[in-house]
């Protein structure tokens, strides 16, 4: 019942037990959670700053390796002006993100000890424009406006993170979404 506990039983010629030996090792179990770090901050002129936190945790019993990507899927009337991230993962200090190249690779091949976690914070500066002739369809789609009632790509400030295993294969996705105001008269 512990980890990968395994035992062998040595039998004599009469199928009677002579000796017993065991071996045991543990496995990592890495998961992540994405949340909105703070409500969008109004920066004037329909520009806002929004931050997302991604916490990667190893709840298993051994060190594991992971990678992490981020994929913004904002409403089509929202333009990304700049983006950056910070991280507590060793050797990953963060930096600026290329705003027109997705997914954003935040890390790859990162070791995470059992019981530990790393936090990534992504900060994005955006501008919303619903005026005639602007990019997008000039109609704002709120978070959870899709048919399922769940946030989806193309809603508000929808954003998803992608957790990768040590072979850069997808393990899990998590999402966060919030909305922006657009005031006109």
C-alpha atoms as a PDB file:
ATOM      1  CA  UNK A   1       0.000   0.000   0.000  1.00  0.00           C
ATOM      2  CA  UNK A   2       3.011   2.370  -0.040  1.00  0.00           C
ATOM      3  CA  UNK A   3       4.268   3.939  -3.288  1.00  0.00           C
ATOM      4  CA  UNK A   4       5.517   1.268  -5.684  1.00  0.00           C
ATOM      5  CA  UNK A   5       6.034  -1.321  -2.955  1.00  0.00           C
ATOM      6  CA  UNK A   6       6.950  -4.718  -4.385  1.00  0.00           C
ATOM      7  CA  UNK A   7       8.110  -7.958  -2.769  1.00  0.00           C
ATOM      8  CA  UNK A   8       9.597 -11.188  -3.941  1.00  0.00           C
ATOM      9  CA  UNK A   9       9.321 -14.582  -2.229  1.00  0.00           C
ATOM     10  CA  UNK A  10      11.982 -17.256  -2.665  1.00  0.00           C
ATOM     11  CA  UNK A  11      10.603 -20.803  -2.448  1.00  0.00           C
ATOM     12  CA  UNK A  12      12.417 -24.105  -1.947  1.00  0.00           C
ATOM     13  CA  UNK A  13      11.774 -27.232  -4.001  1.00  0.00           C
ATOM     14  CA  UNK A  14       8.675 -27.972  -1.915  1.00  0.00           C
ATOM     15  CA  UNK A  15       7.208 -24.518  -2.591  1.00  0.00           C
ATOM     16  CA  UNK A  16       7.915 -23.490   1.007  1.00  0.00           C
ATOM     17  CA  UNK A  17       9.032 -19.924   1.623  1.00  0.00           C
ATOM     18  CA  UNK A  18      12.770 -19.595   2.221  1.00  0.00           C
ATOM     19  CA  UNK A  19      13.207 -15.841   2.034  1.00  0.00           C
ATOM     20  CA  UNK A  20      11.333 -12.656   1.289  1.00  0.00           C
ATOM     21  CA  UNK A  21      12.724  -9.317   0.059  1.00  0.00           C
ATOM     22  CA  UNK A  22      11.127  -6.002  -0.776  1.00  0.00           C
ATOM     23  CA  UNK A  23      11.743  -2.851  -2.774  1.00  0.00           C
ATOM     24  CA  UNK A  24       9.840   0.405  -2.844  1.00  0.00           C
ATOM     25  CA  UNK A  25      10.084   3.719  -4.630  1.00  0.00           C
ATOM     26  CA  UNK A  26       7.831   6.745  -5.046  1.00  0.00           C
ATOM     27  CA  UNK A  27       6.330   8.631  -7.973  1.00  0.00           C
ATOM     28  CA  UNK A  28       5.832  12.347  -8.520  1.00  0.00           C
ATOM     29  CA  UNK A  29       2.344  13.758  -9.037  1.00  0.00           C
ATOM     30  CA  UNK A  30       2.479  17.251 -10.497  1.00  0.00           C
ATOM     31  CA  UNK A  31      -0.623  19.384 -10.888  1.00  0.00           C
ATOM     32  CA  UNK A  32      -1.369  23.077 -11.340  1.00  0.00           C
ATOM     33  CA  UNK A  33      -4.009  25.686 -10.663  1.00  0.00           C
ATOM     34  CA  UNK A  34      -4.586  28.951 -12.512  1.00  0.00           C
ATOM     35  CA  UNK A  35      -6.370  31.858 -10.827  1.00  0.00           C
ATOM     36  CA  UNK A  36      -6.950  35.521 -11.377  1.00  0.00           C
ATOM     37  CA  UNK A  37      -4.324  37.248  -9.202  1.00  0.00           C
ATOM     38  CA  UNK A  38      -6.214  40.542  -9.082  1.00  0.00           C
ATOM     39  CA  UNK A  39      -9.104  42.271 -10.753  1.00  0.00           C
ATOM     40  CA  UNK A  40      -8.129  44.248 -13.873  1.00  0.00           C
ATOM     41  CA  UNK A  41      -6.591  47.605 -12.966  1.00  0.00           C
ATOM     42  CA  UNK A  42      -7.849  50.585 -14.981  1.00  0.00           C
ATOM     43  CA  UNK A  43      -4.917  52.420 -16.544  1.00  0.00           C
ATOM     44  CA  UNK A  44      -7.041  54.972 -18.422  1.00  0.00           C
ATOM     45  CA  UNK A  45      -7.946  55.262 -22.115  1.00  0.00           C
ATOM     46  CA  UNK A  46      -9.627  51.810 -22.094  1.00  0.00           C
ATOM     47  CA  UNK A  47      -6.361  50.155 -21.111  1.00  0.00           C
ATOM     48  CA  UNK A  48      -6.141  47.676 -18.258  1.00  0.00           C
ATOM     49  CA  UNK A  49      -3.551  45.567 -16.490  1.00  0.00           C
ATOM     50  CA  UNK A  50      -4.537  42.056 -15.413  1.00  0.00           C
ATOM     51  CA  UNK A  51      -2.510  39.397 -13.587  1.00  0.00           C
ATOM     52  CA  UNK A  52      -2.912  35.623 -13.393  1.00  0.00           C
ATOM     53  CA  UNK A  53      -1.221  33.241 -10.946  1.00  0.00           C
ATOM     54  CA  UNK A  54      -0.303  29.673 -11.822  1.00  0.00           C
ATOM     55  CA  UNK A  55       0.787  27.433  -8.948  1.00  0.00           C
ATOM     56  CA  UNK A  56       2.489  24.146  -9.887  1.00  0.00           C
ATOM     57  CA  UNK A  57       2.570  21.614  -7.020  1.00  0.00           C
ATOM     58  CA  UNK A  58       4.086  18.153  -6.606  1.00  0.00           C
ATOM     59  CA  UNK A  59       1.831  16.182  -4.247  1.00  0.00           C
ATOM     60  CA  UNK A  60       3.579  12.890  -5.022  1.00  0.00           C
ATOM     61  CA  UNK A  61       6.454  11.282  -3.168  1.00  0.00           C
ATOM     62  CA  UNK A  62       9.366  11.870  -5.572  1.00  0.00           C
ATOM     63  CA  UNK A  63      10.940  14.675  -7.594  1.00  0.00           C
ATOM     64  CA  UNK A  64       9.292  15.173 -10.987  1.00  0.00           C
ATOM     65  CA  UNK A  65       9.874  17.278 -14.083  1.00  0.00           C
ATOM     66  CA  UNK A  66       7.395  19.611 -15.764  1.00  0.00           C
ATOM     67  CA  UNK A  67       7.010  22.411 -18.292  1.00  0.00           C
ATOM     68  CA  UNK A  68       4.435  25.185 -18.403  1.00  0.00           C
ATOM     69  CA  UNK A  69       2.830  27.111 -21.262  1.00  0.00           C
ATOM     70  CA  UNK A  70       0.274  29.894 -21.224  1.00  0.00           C
ATOM     71  CA  UNK A  71      -2.277  30.616 -23.946  1.00  0.00           C
ATOM     72  CA  UNK A  72      -4.327  33.835 -23.886  1.00  0.00           C
ATOM     73  CA  UNK A  73      -7.663  33.512 -25.672  1.00  0.00           C
ATOM     74  CA  UNK A  74      -9.024  37.011 -25.164  1.00  0.00           C
ATOM     75  CA  UNK A  75     -12.198  38.425 -26.683  1.00  0.00           C
ATOM     76  CA  UNK A  76     -11.512  39.668 -30.243  1.00  0.00           C
ATOM     77  CA  UNK A  77     -12.047  43.340 -29.301  1.00  0.00           C
ATOM     78  CA  UNK A  78      -9.190  43.184 -26.779  1.00  0.00           C
ATOM     79  CA  UNK A  79      -5.620  43.811 -27.942  1.00  0.00           C
ATOM     80  CA  UNK A  80      -2.564  42.726 -25.950  1.00  0.00           C
ATOM     81  CA  UNK A  81      -0.194  45.683 -25.632  1.00  0.00           C
ATOM     82  CA  UNK A  82       2.497  44.029 -23.500  1.00  0.00           C
ATOM     83  CA  UNK A  83       2.989  40.956 -21.344  1.00  0.00           C
ATOM     84  CA  UNK A  84       5.533  39.656 -18.856  1.00  0.00           C
ATOM     85  CA  UNK A  85       5.893  37.037 -16.144  1.00  0.00           C
ATOM     86  CA  UNK A  86       7.795  36.209 -12.977  1.00  0.00           C
ATOM     87  CA  UNK A  87       8.489  32.829 -11.434  1.00  0.00           C
ATOM     88  CA  UNK A  88       9.728  31.218  -8.227  1.00  0.00           C
ATOM     89  CA  UNK A  89      11.016  28.167 -10.161  1.00  0.00           C
ATOM     90  CA  UNK A  90      14.817  27.800  -9.902  1.00  0.00           C
ATOM     91  CA  UNK A  91      16.542  29.179 -12.981  1.00  0.00           C
ATOM     92  CA  UNK A  92      13.330  30.728 -14.361  1.00  0.00           C
ATOM     93  CA  UNK A  93      13.373  34.438 -13.575  1.00  0.00           C
ATOM     94  CA  UNK A  94      10.666  35.353 -16.063  1.00  0.00           C
ATOM     95  CA  UNK A  95      10.731  38.296 -18.447  1.00  0.00           C
ATOM     96  CA  UNK A  96       8.833  39.832 -21.321  1.00  0.00           C
ATOM     97  CA  UNK A  97       6.552  37.676 -23.483  1.00  0.00           C
ATOM     98  CA  UNK A  98       6.203  38.058 -27.262  1.00  0.00           C
ATOM     99  CA  UNK A  99       2.647  39.353 -27.635  1.00  0.00           C
ATOM    100  CA  UNK A 100       1.810  37.801 -31.015  1.00  0.00           C
ATOM    101  CA  UNK A 101       3.416  34.377 -30.534  1.00  0.00           C
ATOM    102  CA  UNK A 102       1.415  31.700 -28.693  1.00  0.00           C
ATOM    103  CA  UNK A 103       1.647  29.602 -26.669  1.00  0.00           C
ATOM    104  CA  UNK A 104       3.917  31.470 -24.298  1.00  0.00           C
ATOM    105  CA  UNK A 105       6.514  29.002 -23.016  1.00  0.00           C
ATOM    106  CA  UNK A 106       7.054  29.855 -19.351  1.00  0.00           C
ATOM    107  CA  UNK A 107       9.308  26.899 -18.521  1.00  0.00           C
ATOM    108  CA  UNK A 108      10.508  23.503 -19.690  1.00  0.00           C
ATOM    109  CA  UNK A 109      12.318  20.650 -17.942  1.00  0.00           C
ATOM    110  CA  UNK A 110      11.865  22.093 -14.441  1.00  0.00           C
ATOM    111  CA  UNK A 111      12.447  19.750 -11.500  1.00  0.00           C
ATOM    112  CA  UNK A 112       9.967  19.964  -8.628  1.00  0.00           C
ATOM    113  CA  UNK A 113      10.625  18.144  -5.354  1.00  0.00           C
ATOM    114  CA  UNK A 114       7.888  16.218  -3.555  1.00  0.00           C
ATOM    115  CA  UNK A 115       5.756  18.538  -1.444  1.00  0.00           C
ATOM    116  CA  UNK A 116       7.064  21.706  -3.121  1.00  0.00           C
ATOM    117  CA  UNK A 117       5.422  24.230  -5.421  1.00  0.00           C
ATOM    118  CA  UNK A 118       6.414  26.974  -7.866  1.00  0.00           C
ATOM    119  CA  UNK A 119       4.384  30.100  -8.592  1.00  0.00           C
ATOM    120  CA  UNK A 120       4.241  31.918 -11.924  1.00  0.00           C
ATOM    121  CA  UNK A 121       2.583  35.330 -12.246  1.00  0.00           C
ATOM    122  CA  UNK A 122       1.658  36.622 -15.696  1.00  0.00           C
ATOM    123  CA  UNK A 123       0.822  40.313 -16.110  1.00  0.00           C
ATOM    124  CA  UNK A 124      -0.807  41.512 -19.321  1.00  0.00           C
ATOM    125  CA  UNK A 125      -1.572  45.076 -20.388  1.00  0.00           C
ATOM    126  CA  UNK A 126      -4.533  45.207 -22.762  1.00  0.00           C
ATOM    127  CA  UNK A 127      -6.756  47.680 -24.555  1.00  0.00           C
ATOM    128  CA  UNK A 128     -10.452  47.208 -25.311  1.00  0.00           C
ATOM    129  CA  UNK A 129     -12.018  48.941 -28.310  1.00  0.00           C
ATOM    130  CA  UNK A 130     -15.634  48.365 -29.338  1.00  0.00           C
ATOM    131  CA  UNK A 131     -15.861  51.390 -31.630  1.00  0.00           C
ATOM    132  CA  UNK A 132     -16.972  51.104 -35.286  1.00  0.00           C
ATOM    133  CA  UNK A 133     -14.091  50.217 -37.573  1.00  0.00           C
ATOM    134  CA  UNK A 134     -11.859  48.790 -34.828  1.00  0.00           C
ATOM    135  CA  UNK A 135     -10.459  45.264 -34.901  1.00  0.00           C
ATOM    136  CA  UNK A 136     -12.831  42.557 -33.736  1.00  0.00           C
ATOM    137  CA  UNK A 137     -16.579  42.308 -34.123  1.00  0.00           C
ATOM    138  CA  UNK A 138     -17.345  45.369 -31.922  1.00  0.00           C
ATOM    139  CA  UNK A 139     -19.533  43.223 -29.637  1.00  0.00           C
ATOM    140  CA  UNK A 140     -18.162  42.211 -26.238  1.00  0.00           C
ATOM    141  CA  UNK A 141     -18.501  38.532 -25.270  1.00  0.00           C
ATOM    142  CA  UNK A 142     -18.429  38.159 -21.487  1.00  0.00           C
ATOM    143  CA  UNK A 143     -16.846  35.277 -19.596  1.00  0.00           C
ATOM    144  CA  UNK A 144     -19.256  32.357 -19.412  1.00  0.00           C
ATOM    145  CA  UNK A 145     -21.259  33.598 -22.418  1.00  0.00           C
ATOM    146  CA  UNK A 146     -20.666  30.398 -24.387  1.00  0.00           C
ATOM    147  CA  UNK A 147     -23.363  27.754 -24.811  1.00  0.00           C
ATOM    148  CA  UNK A 148     -21.956  25.664 -21.951  1.00  0.00           C
ATOM    149  CA  UNK A 149     -22.018  28.551 -19.469  1.00  0.00           C
ATOM    150  CA  UNK A 150     -18.294  28.011 -18.863  1.00  0.00           C
ATOM    151  CA  UNK A 151     -15.612  30.524 -19.862  1.00  0.00           C
ATOM    152  CA  UNK A 152     -14.198  29.720 -23.287  1.00  0.00           C
ATOM    153  CA  UNK A 153     -11.654  31.062 -25.724  1.00  0.00           C
ATOM    154  CA  UNK A 154     -12.936  34.335 -27.158  1.00  0.00           C
ATOM    155  CA  UNK A 155     -14.684  35.370 -23.921  1.00  0.00           C
ATOM    156  CA  UNK A 156     -13.465  38.412 -21.947  1.00  0.00           C
ATOM    157  CA  UNK A 157      -9.929  37.965 -20.664  1.00  0.00           C
ATOM    158  CA  UNK A 158     -10.018  34.161 -20.998  1.00  0.00           C
ATOM    159  CA  UNK A 159      -6.616  32.645 -20.334  1.00  0.00           C
ATOM    160  CA  UNK A 160      -5.443  29.044 -20.034  1.00  0.00           C
ATOM    161  CA  UNK A 161      -2.316  27.369 -18.770  1.00  0.00           C
ATOM    162  CA  UNK A 162      -0.991  24.067 -20.071  1.00  0.00           C
ATOM    163  CA  UNK A 163       1.005  21.784 -17.758  1.00  0.00           C
ATOM    164  CA  UNK A 164       3.489  19.537 -19.566  1.00  0.00           C
ATOM    165  CA  UNK A 165       5.288  16.419 -18.338  1.00  0.00           C
ATOM    166  CA  UNK A 166       9.054  15.895 -18.570  1.00  0.00           C
ATOM    167  CA  UNK A 167       8.638  14.841 -22.224  1.00  0.00           C
ATOM    168  CA  UNK A 168       6.746  18.088 -23.047  1.00  0.00           C
ATOM    169  CA  UNK A 169       3.464  16.179 -23.445  1.00  0.00           C
ATOM    170  CA  UNK A 170       0.299  17.845 -22.153  1.00  0.00           C
ATOM    171  CA  UNK A 171      -0.878  16.642 -18.729  1.00  0.00           C
ATOM    172  CA  UNK A 172      -3.546  19.169 -17.849  1.00  0.00           C
ATOM    173  CA  UNK A 173      -5.121  22.554 -18.666  1.00  0.00           C
ATOM    174  CA  UNK A 174      -6.604  25.112 -16.317  1.00  0.00           C
ATOM    175  CA  UNK A 175      -8.352  28.381 -17.095  1.00  0.00           C
ATOM    176  CA  UNK A 176      -9.228  31.738 -15.611  1.00  0.00           C
ATOM    177  CA  UNK A 177     -11.442  34.476 -17.026  1.00  0.00           C
ATOM    178  CA  UNK A 178     -12.548  37.967 -16.051  1.00  0.00           C
ATOM    179  CA  UNK A 179     -14.340  40.801 -17.799  1.00  0.00           C
ATOM    180  CA  UNK A 180     -13.570  44.420 -18.649  1.00  0.00           C
ATOM    181  CA  UNK A 181     -15.833  47.454 -18.617  1.00  0.00           C
ATOM    182  CA  UNK A 182     -16.316  49.574 -21.714  1.00  0.00           C
ATOM    183  CA  UNK A 183     -17.991  52.887 -20.929  1.00  0.00           C
ATOM    184  CA  UNK A 184     -19.231  55.198 -23.647  1.00  0.00           C
ATOM    185  CA  UNK A 185     -21.728  58.026 -23.974  1.00  0.00           C
END
